[in-house]
Amino acid sequence: MGRKKTTIRIPKNAKIKCPNCGKNTLIKMPKEALFHFKCKKCKKEIEVPQSQCCMLCAYGNTPCMPELLRTAQRKGLEIKYSK
């Protein structure tokens, strides 16, 4: 049997993939939900889908920091920040 996860890591950086052209953009993990994003390649202003809380949760490789913190609190996990 696997070990139960006791920590959640907050990454230093995150990637957002443009839904229009597919370009991945590396950004510093914001402390707040990310609501505005303009793709550097296609220059399109991307909007948050109604079903998602923010750009990272919709198009990122990781949920936003507020969502990660809510998950940690809900599951009683220790929070570790990546260096």
PDB file of N, CA and C in Angstrom:
ATOM      1  N   MET A   1       0.832  -1.192   0.000  1.00  0.00           N
ATOM      2  CA  MET A   1       0.000   0.000   0.000  1.00  0.00           C
ATOM      3  C   MET A   1       0.873   1.251   0.000  1.00  0.00           C
ATOM      4  N   GLY A   2       0.384   2.325  -0.649  1.00  0.00           N
ATOM      5  CA  GLY A   2       1.129   3.577  -0.712  1.00  0.00           C
ATOM      6  C   GLY A   2       1.034   4.350   0.591  1.00  0.00           C
ATOM      7  N   ARG A   3       2.033   5.202   0.790  1.00  0.00           N
ATOM      8  CA  ARG A   3       2.014   6.047   1.977  1.00  0.00           C
ATOM      9  C   ARG A   3       1.051   7.201   1.776  1.00  0.00           C
ATOM     10  N   LYS A   4       0.416   7.616   2.863  1.00  0.00           N
ATOM     11  CA  LYS A   4      -0.519   8.725   2.799  1.00  0.00           C
ATOM     12  C   LYS A   4       0.258  10.034   2.660  1.00  0.00           C
ATOM     13  N   LYS A   5      -0.167  10.867   1.751  1.00  0.00           N
ATOM     14  CA  LYS A   5       0.469  12.156   1.525  1.00  0.00           C
ATOM     15  C   LYS A   5       0.201  13.068   2.713  1.00  0.00           C
ATOM     16  N   THR A   6       1.264  13.684   3.251  1.00  0.00           N
ATOM     17  CA  THR A   6       1.110  14.545   4.413  1.00  0.00           C
ATOM     18  C   THR A   6       1.487  15.994   4.131  1.00  0.00           C
ATOM     19  N   THR A   7       2.055  16.263   2.965  1.00  0.00           N
ATOM     20  CA  THR A   7       2.436  17.631   2.616  1.00  0.00           C
ATOM     21  C   THR A   7       1.928  17.988   1.224  1.00  0.00           C
ATOM     22  N   ILE A   8       1.830  19.273   0.995  1.00  0.00           N
ATOM     23  CA  ILE A   8       1.512  19.787  -0.334  1.00  0.00           C
ATOM     24  C   ILE A   8       2.584  20.817  -0.658  1.00  0.00           C
ATOM     25  N   ARG A   9       3.147  20.727  -1.849  1.00  0.00           N
ATOM     26  CA  ARG A   9       4.201  21.650  -2.267  1.00  0.00           C
ATOM     27  C   ARG A   9       3.619  22.797  -3.076  1.00  0.00           C
ATOM     28  N   ILE A  10       4.065  23.995  -2.737  1.00  0.00           N
ATOM     29  CA  ILE A  10       3.722  25.183  -3.508  1.00  0.00           C
ATOM     30  C   ILE A  10       4.914  25.446  -4.423  1.00  0.00           C
ATOM     31  N   PRO A  11       4.745  25.290  -5.735  1.00  0.00           N
ATOM     32  CA  PRO A  11       5.884  25.475  -6.635  1.00  0.00           C
ATOM     33  C   PRO A  11       6.309  26.937  -6.745  1.00  0.00           C
ATOM     34  N   LYS A  12       7.579  27.135  -7.078  1.00  0.00           N
ATOM     35  CA  LYS A  12       8.122  28.481  -7.258  1.00  0.00           C
ATOM     36  C   LYS A  12       7.620  29.082  -8.572  1.00  0.00           C
ATOM     37  N   ASN A  13       7.485  28.234  -9.588  1.00  0.00           N
ATOM     38  CA  ASN A  13       7.047  28.668 -10.916  1.00  0.00           C
ATOM     39  C   ASN A  13       5.895  27.801 -11.396  1.00  0.00           C
ATOM     40  N   ALA A  14       5.190  28.307 -12.385  1.00  0.00           N
ATOM     41  CA  ALA A  14       4.101  27.564 -13.005  1.00  0.00           C
ATOM     42  C   ALA A  14       4.142  27.814 -14.506  1.00  0.00           C
ATOM     43  N   LYS A  15       3.561  26.903 -15.256  1.00  0.00           N
ATOM     44  CA  LYS A  15       3.450  27.064 -16.713  1.00  0.00           C
ATOM     45  C   LYS A  15       1.988  27.252 -17.073  1.00  0.00           C
ATOM     46  N   ILE A  16       1.753  28.174 -17.988  1.00  0.00           N
ATOM     47  CA  ILE A  16       0.421  28.362 -18.542  1.00  0.00           C
ATOM     48  C   ILE A  16       0.506  28.028 -20.026  1.00  0.00           C
ATOM     49  N   LYS A  17      -0.412  27.194 -20.503  1.00  0.00           N
ATOM     50  CA  LYS A  17      -0.458  26.824 -21.913  1.00  0.00           C
ATOM     51  C   LYS A  17      -1.597  27.586 -22.583  1.00  0.00           C
ATOM     52  N   CYS A  18      -1.252  28.377 -23.574  1.00  0.00           N
ATOM     53  CA  CYS A  18      -2.252  29.162 -24.294  1.00  0.00           C
ATOM     54  C   CYS A  18      -3.234  28.219 -24.997  1.00  0.00           C
ATOM     55  N   PRO A  19      -4.531  28.373 -24.744  1.00  0.00           N
ATOM     56  CA  PRO A  19      -5.516  27.513 -25.404  1.00  0.00           C
ATOM     57  C   PRO A  19      -5.688  27.849 -26.886  1.00  0.00           C
ATOM     58  N   ASN A  20      -5.189  28.995 -27.296  1.00  0.00           N
ATOM     59  CA  ASN A  20      -5.313  29.428 -28.686  1.00  0.00           C
ATOM     60  C   ASN A  20      -4.193  28.860 -29.566  1.00  0.00           C
ATOM     61  N   CYS A  21      -2.919  29.027 -29.147  1.00  0.00           N
ATOM     62  CA  CYS A  21      -1.795  28.613 -29.994  1.00  0.00           C
ATOM     63  C   CYS A  21      -0.963  27.479 -29.391  1.00  0.00           C
ATOM     64  N   GLY A  22      -1.170  27.177 -28.104  1.00  0.00           N
ATOM     65  CA  GLY A  22      -0.460  26.074 -27.471  1.00  0.00           C
ATOM     66  C   GLY A  22       0.880  26.424 -26.866  1.00  0.00           C
ATOM     67  N   LYS A  23       1.290  27.705 -26.911  1.00  0.00           N
ATOM     68  CA  LYS A  23       2.585  28.103 -26.337  1.00  0.00           C
ATOM     69  C   LYS A  23       2.553  27.999 -24.822  1.00  0.00           C
ATOM     70  N   ASN A  24       3.609  27.373 -24.267  1.00  0.00           N
ATOM     71  CA  ASN A  24       3.781  27.322 -22.816  1.00  0.00           C
ATOM     72  C   ASN A  24       4.567  28.539 -22.357  1.00  0.00           C
ATOM     73  N   THR A  25       4.093  29.198 -21.320  1.00  0.00           N
ATOM     74  CA  THR A  25       4.770  30.356 -20.745  1.00  0.00           C
ATOM     75  C   THR A  25       5.059  30.068 -19.281  1.00  0.00           C
ATOM     76  N   LEU A  26       6.322  30.207 -18.883  1.00  0.00           N
ATOM     77  CA  LEU A  26       6.726  30.000 -17.500  1.00  0.00           C
ATOM     78  C   LEU A  26       6.576  31.317 -16.748  1.00  0.00           C
ATOM     79  N   ILE A  27       5.870  31.274 -15.624  1.00  0.00           N
ATOM     80  CA  ILE A  27       5.675  32.471 -14.801  1.00  0.00           C
ATOM     81  C   ILE A  27       6.033  32.151 -13.358  1.00  0.00           C
ATOM     82  N   LYS A  28       6.337  33.188 -12.591  1.00  0.00           N
ATOM     83  CA  LYS A  28       6.528  33.029 -11.151  1.00  0.00           C
ATOM     84  C   LYS A  28       5.147  32.777 -10.543  1.00  0.00           C
ATOM     85  N   MET A  29       5.069  31.806  -9.630  1.00  0.00           N
ATOM     86  CA  MET A  29       3.785  31.463  -9.008  1.00  0.00           C
ATOM     87  C   MET A  29       3.230  32.681  -8.274  1.00  0.00           C
ATOM     88  N   PRO A  30       2.080  33.201  -8.739  1.00  0.00           N
ATOM     89  CA  PRO A  30       1.484  34.354  -8.062  1.00  0.00           C
ATOM     90  C   PRO A  30       0.850  33.941  -6.729  1.00  0.00           C
ATOM     91  N   LYS A  31       0.801  34.882  -5.796  1.00  0.00           N
ATOM     92  CA  LYS A  31       0.207  34.595  -4.487  1.00  0.00           C
ATOM     93  C   LYS A  31      -1.316  34.649  -4.548  1.00  0.00           C
ATOM     94  N   GLU A  32      -1.825  35.323  -5.540  1.00  0.00           N
ATOM     95  CA  GLU A  32      -3.276  35.451  -5.720  1.00  0.00           C
ATOM     96  C   GLU A  32      -3.693  34.718  -6.993  1.00  0.00           C
ATOM     97  N   ALA A  33      -4.971  34.488  -7.143  1.00  0.00           N
ATOM     98  CA  ALA A  33      -5.495  33.878  -8.360  1.00  0.00           C
ATOM     99  C   ALA A  33      -5.166  34.785  -9.546  1.00  0.00           C
ATOM    100  N   LEU A  34      -4.885  34.184 -10.679  1.00  0.00           N
ATOM    101  CA  LEU A  34      -4.482  34.913 -11.882  1.00  0.00           C
ATOM    102  C   LEU A  34      -5.677  35.027 -12.826  1.00  0.00           C
ATOM    103  N   PHE A  35      -6.134  36.256 -13.043  1.00  0.00           N
ATOM    104  CA  PHE A  35      -7.340  36.461 -13.848  1.00  0.00           C
ATOM    105  C   PHE A  35      -7.063  36.986 -15.247  1.00  0.00           C
ATOM    106  N   HIS A  36      -5.874  37.535 -15.476  1.00  0.00           N
ATOM    107  CA  HIS A  36      -5.549  38.113 -16.772  1.00  0.00           C
ATOM    108  C   HIS A  36      -4.268  37.489 -17.298  1.00  0.00           C
ATOM    109  N   PHE A  37      -4.293  37.122 -18.581  1.00  0.00           N
ATOM    110  CA  PHE A  37      -3.108  36.559 -19.216  1.00  0.00           C
ATOM    111  C   PHE A  37      -3.145  36.881 -20.701  1.00  0.00           C
ATOM    112  N   LYS A  38      -2.038  37.424 -21.192  1.00  0.00           N
ATOM    113  CA  LYS A  38      -1.907  37.704 -22.614  1.00  0.00           C
ATOM    114  C   LYS A  38      -0.763  36.846 -23.138  1.00  0.00           C
ATOM    115  N   CYS A  39      -1.043  36.026 -24.138  1.00  0.00           N
ATOM    116  CA  CYS A  39      -0.045  35.136 -24.714  1.00  0.00           C
ATOM    117  C   CYS A  39       1.032  35.951 -25.424  1.00  0.00           C
ATOM    118  N   LYS A  40       2.284  35.608 -25.164  1.00  0.00           N
ATOM    119  CA  LYS A  40       3.397  36.320 -25.785  1.00  0.00           C
ATOM    120  C   LYS A  40       3.557  35.963 -27.261  1.00  0.00           C
ATOM    121  N   LYS A  41       3.072  34.796 -27.660  1.00  0.00           N
ATOM    122  CA  LYS A  41       3.234  34.360 -29.050  1.00  0.00           C
ATOM    123  C   LYS A  41       2.110  34.894 -29.948  1.00  0.00           C
ATOM    124  N   CYS A  42       0.857  34.560 -29.608  1.00  0.00           N
ATOM    125  CA  CYS A  42      -0.256  34.955 -30.484  1.00  0.00           C
ATOM    126  C   CYS A  42      -0.877  36.297 -30.086  1.00  0.00           C
ATOM    127  N   LYS A  43      -0.429  36.858 -28.948  1.00  0.00           N
ATOM    128  CA  LYS A  43      -0.883  38.170 -28.454  1.00  0.00           C
ATOM    129  C   LYS A  43      -2.360  38.204 -28.067  1.00  0.00           C
ATOM    130  N   LYS A  44      -2.984  37.032 -27.945  1.00  0.00           N
ATOM    131  CA  LYS A  44      -4.397  36.984 -27.595  1.00  0.00           C
ATOM    132  C   LYS A  44      -4.571  37.134 -26.086  1.00  0.00           C
ATOM    133  N   GLU A  45      -5.546  37.938 -25.690  1.00  0.00           N
ATOM    134  CA  GLU A  45      -5.921  38.104 -24.284  1.00  0.00           C
ATOM    135  C   GLU A  45      -6.821  36.924 -23.929  1.00  0.00           C
ATOM    136  N   ILE A  46      -6.383  36.092 -23.002  1.00  0.00           N
ATOM    137  CA  ILE A  46      -7.106  34.875 -22.655  1.00  0.00           C
ATOM    138  C   ILE A  46      -8.040  35.149 -21.477  1.00  0.00           C
ATOM    139  N   GLU A  47      -9.231  34.610 -21.547  1.00  0.00           N
ATOM    140  CA  GLU A  47     -10.224  34.785 -20.478  1.00  0.00           C
ATOM    141  C   GLU A  47     -10.344  33.513 -19.657  1.00  0.00           C
ATOM    142  N   VAL A  48     -10.715  33.671 -18.413  1.00  0.00           N
ATOM    143  CA  VAL A  48     -10.927  32.537 -17.515  1.00  0.00           C
ATOM    144  C   VAL A  48     -12.273  31.890 -17.848  1.00  0.00           C
ATOM    145  N   PRO A  49     -12.300  30.578 -18.085  1.00  0.00           N
ATOM    146  CA  PRO A  49     -13.592  29.908 -18.296  1.00  0.00           C
ATOM    147  C   PRO A  49     -14.450  30.011 -17.030  1.00  0.00           C
ATOM    148  N   GLN A  50     -15.748  30.087 -17.193  1.00  0.00           N
ATOM    149  CA  GLN A  50     -16.647  30.235 -16.044  1.00  0.00           C
ATOM    150  C   GLN A  50     -16.531  29.085 -15.055  1.00  0.00           C
ATOM    151  N   SER A  51     -16.144  27.920 -15.525  1.00  0.00           N
ATOM    152  CA  SER A  51     -16.080  26.753 -14.646  1.00  0.00           C
ATOM    153  C   SER A  51     -14.794  26.688 -13.819  1.00  0.00           C
ATOM    154  N   GLN A  52     -13.862  27.609 -14.036  1.00  0.00           N
ATOM    155  CA  GLN A  52     -12.576  27.594 -13.343  1.00  0.00           C
ATOM    156  C   GLN A  52     -12.417  28.836 -12.474  1.00  0.00           C
ATOM    157  N   CYS A  53     -11.531  28.732 -11.465  1.00  0.00           N
ATOM    158  CA  CYS A  53     -11.360  29.879 -10.567  1.00  0.00           C
ATOM    159  C   CYS A  53     -10.411  30.918 -11.149  1.00  0.00           C
ATOM    160  N   CYS A  54      -9.438  30.487 -11.986  1.00  0.00           N
ATOM    161  CA  CYS A  54      -8.479  31.441 -12.534  1.00  0.00           C
ATOM    162  C   CYS A  54      -7.732  30.823 -13.721  1.00  0.00           C
ATOM    163  N   MET A  55      -6.793  31.571 -14.268  1.00  0.00           N
ATOM    164  CA  MET A  55      -6.022  31.123 -15.432  1.00  0.00           C
ATOM    165  C   MET A  55      -5.174  29.892 -15.125  1.00  0.00           C
ATOM    166  N   LEU A  56      -4.535  29.865 -13.968  1.00  0.00           N
ATOM    167  CA  LEU A  56      -3.694  28.711 -13.621  1.00  0.00           C
ATOM    168  C   LEU A  56      -4.526  27.444 -13.464  1.00  0.00           C
ATOM    169  N   CYS A  57      -5.656  27.560 -12.815  1.00  0.00           N
ATOM    170  CA  CYS A  57      -6.513  26.382 -12.628  1.00  0.00           C
ATOM    171  C   CYS A  57      -7.069  25.891 -13.969  1.00  0.00           C
ATOM    172  N   ALA A  58      -7.262  26.797 -14.913  1.00  0.00           N
ATOM    173  CA  ALA A  58      -7.801  26.422 -16.214  1.00  0.00           C
ATOM    174  C   ALA A  58      -6.728  25.929 -17.182  1.00  0.00           C
ATOM    175  N   TYR A  59      -5.610  26.633 -17.261  1.00  0.00           N
ATOM    176  CA  TYR A  59      -4.619  26.354 -18.304  1.00  0.00           C
ATOM    177  C   TYR A  59      -3.213  26.084 -17.772  1.00  0.00           C
ATOM    178  N   GLY A  60      -3.052  25.999 -16.467  1.00  0.00           N
ATOM    179  CA  GLY A  60      -1.728  25.812 -15.886  1.00  0.00           C
ATOM    180  C   GLY A  60      -1.396  24.359 -15.608  1.00  0.00           C
ATOM    181  N   ASN A  61      -0.132  24.137 -15.305  1.00  0.00           N
ATOM    182  CA  ASN A  61       0.319  22.789 -14.947  1.00  0.00           C
ATOM    183  C   ASN A  61       0.117  22.519 -13.458  1.00  0.00           C
ATOM    184  N   THR A  62      -0.368  23.511 -12.728  1.00  0.00           N
ATOM    185  CA  THR A  62      -0.654  23.391 -11.302  1.00  0.00           C
ATOM    186  C   THR A  62      -1.798  24.341 -10.957  1.00  0.00           C
ATOM    187  N   PRO A  63      -2.592  24.019  -9.957  1.00  0.00           N
ATOM    188  CA  PRO A  63      -3.612  24.981  -9.517  1.00  0.00           C
ATOM    189  C   PRO A  63      -2.951  26.230  -8.929  1.00  0.00           C
ATOM    190  N   CYS A  64      -3.713  27.298  -8.788  1.00  0.00           N
ATOM    191  CA  CYS A  64      -3.201  28.537  -8.204  1.00  0.00           C
ATOM    192  C   CYS A  64      -2.888  28.344  -6.719  1.00  0.00           C
ATOM    193  N   MET A  65      -2.111  29.275  -6.160  1.00  0.00           N
ATOM    194  CA  MET A  65      -1.723  29.161  -4.758  1.00  0.00           C
ATOM    195  C   MET A  65      -2.936  29.151  -3.814  1.00  0.00           C
ATOM    196  N   PRO A  66      -3.933  30.032  -3.998  1.00  0.00           N
ATOM    197  CA  PRO A  66      -5.096  29.955  -3.106  1.00  0.00           C
ATOM    198  C   PRO A  66      -5.782  28.584  -3.141  1.00  0.00           C
ATOM    199  N   GLU A  67      -5.866  27.976  -4.314  1.00  0.00           N
ATOM    200  CA  GLU A  67      -6.495  26.658  -4.429  1.00  0.00           C
ATOM    201  C   GLU A  67      -5.639  25.587  -3.746  1.00  0.00           C
ATOM    202  N   LEU A  68      -4.329  25.668  -3.900  1.00  0.00           N
ATOM    203  CA  LEU A  68      -3.441  24.718  -3.227  1.00  0.00           C
ATOM    204  C   LEU A  68      -3.548  24.854  -1.704  1.00  0.00           C
ATOM    205  N   LEU A  69      -3.641  26.092  -1.225  1.00  0.00           N
ATOM    206  CA  LEU A  69      -3.772  26.324   0.218  1.00  0.00           C
ATOM    207  C   LEU A  69      -5.112  25.811   0.747  1.00  0.00           C
ATOM    208  N   ARG A  70      -6.195  26.003  -0.035  1.00  0.00           N
ATOM    209  CA  ARG A  70      -7.507  25.471   0.369  1.00  0.00           C
ATOM    210  C   ARG A  70      -7.483  23.947   0.433  1.00  0.00           C
ATOM    211  N   THR A  71      -6.837  23.325  -0.544  1.00  0.00           N
ATOM    212  CA  THR A  71      -6.722  21.866  -0.566  1.00  0.00           C
ATOM    213  C   THR A  71      -5.945  21.376   0.647  1.00  0.00           C
ATOM    214  N   ALA A  72      -4.839  22.060   0.966  1.00  0.00           N
ATOM    215  CA  ALA A  72      -4.032  21.672   2.126  1.00  0.00           C
ATOM    216  C   ALA A  72      -4.842  21.786   3.414  1.00  0.00           C
ATOM    217  N   GLN A  73      -5.586  22.867   3.548  1.00  0.00           N
ATOM    218  CA  GLN A  73      -6.399  23.071   4.752  1.00  0.00           C
ATOM    219  C   GLN A  73      -7.502  22.015   4.848  1.00  0.00           C
ATOM    220  N   ARG A  74      -8.173  21.757   3.728  1.00  0.00           N
ATOM    221  CA  ARG A  74      -9.274  20.795   3.710  1.00  0.00           C
ATOM    222  C   ARG A  74      -8.797  19.379   4.052  1.00  0.00           C
ATOM    223  N   LYS A  75      -7.600  19.017   3.576  1.00  0.00           N
ATOM    224  CA  LYS A  75      -7.075  17.675   3.800  1.00  0.00           C
ATOM    225  C   LYS A  75      -6.126  17.583   4.995  1.00  0.00           C
ATOM    226  N   GLY A  76      -5.892  18.708   5.673  1.00  0.00           N
ATOM    227  CA  GLY A  76      -5.012  18.708   6.829  1.00  0.00           C
ATOM    228  C   GLY A  76      -3.547  18.436   6.478  1.00  0.00           C
ATOM    229  N   LEU A  77      -3.100  18.964   5.324  1.00  0.00           N
ATOM    230  CA  LEU A  77      -1.735  18.724   4.872  1.00  0.00           C
ATOM    231  C   LEU A  77      -0.795  19.850   5.282  1.00  0.00           C
ATOM    232  N   GLU A  78       0.452  19.512   5.489  1.00  0.00           N
ATOM    233  CA  GLU A  78       1.484  20.502   5.764  1.00  0.00           C
ATOM    234  C   GLU A  78       1.831  21.189   4.443  1.00  0.00           C
ATOM    235  N   ILE A  79       2.117  22.481   4.501  1.00  0.00           N
ATOM    236  CA  ILE A  79       2.445  23.248   3.300  1.00  0.00           C
ATOM    237  C   ILE A  79       3.953  23.456   3.238  1.00  0.00           C
ATOM    238  N   LYS A  80       4.541  23.129   2.086  1.00  0.00           N
ATOM    239  CA  LYS A  80       5.971  23.370   1.858  1.00  0.00           C
ATOM    240  C   LYS A  80       6.106  24.198   0.596  1.00  0.00           C
ATOM    241  N   TYR A  81       6.923  25.246   0.694  1.00  0.00           N
ATOM    242  CA  TYR A  81       7.177  26.110  -0.458  1.00  0.00           C
ATOM    243  C   TYR A  81       8.478  25.690  -1.125  1.00  0.00           C
ATOM    244  N   SER A  82       8.446  25.516  -2.452  1.00  0.00           N
ATOM    245  CA  SER A  82       9.650  25.168  -3.202  1.00  0.00           C
ATOM    246  C   SER A  82      10.590  26.363  -3.201  1.00  0.00           C
ATOM    247  N   LYS A  83      11.885  26.061  -3.176  1.00  0.00           N
ATOM    248  CA  LYS A  83      12.896  27.132  -3.169  1.00  0.00           C
ATOM    249  C   LYS A  83      13.437  27.386  -4.542  1.00  0.00           C
TER     250      LYS A  83
END
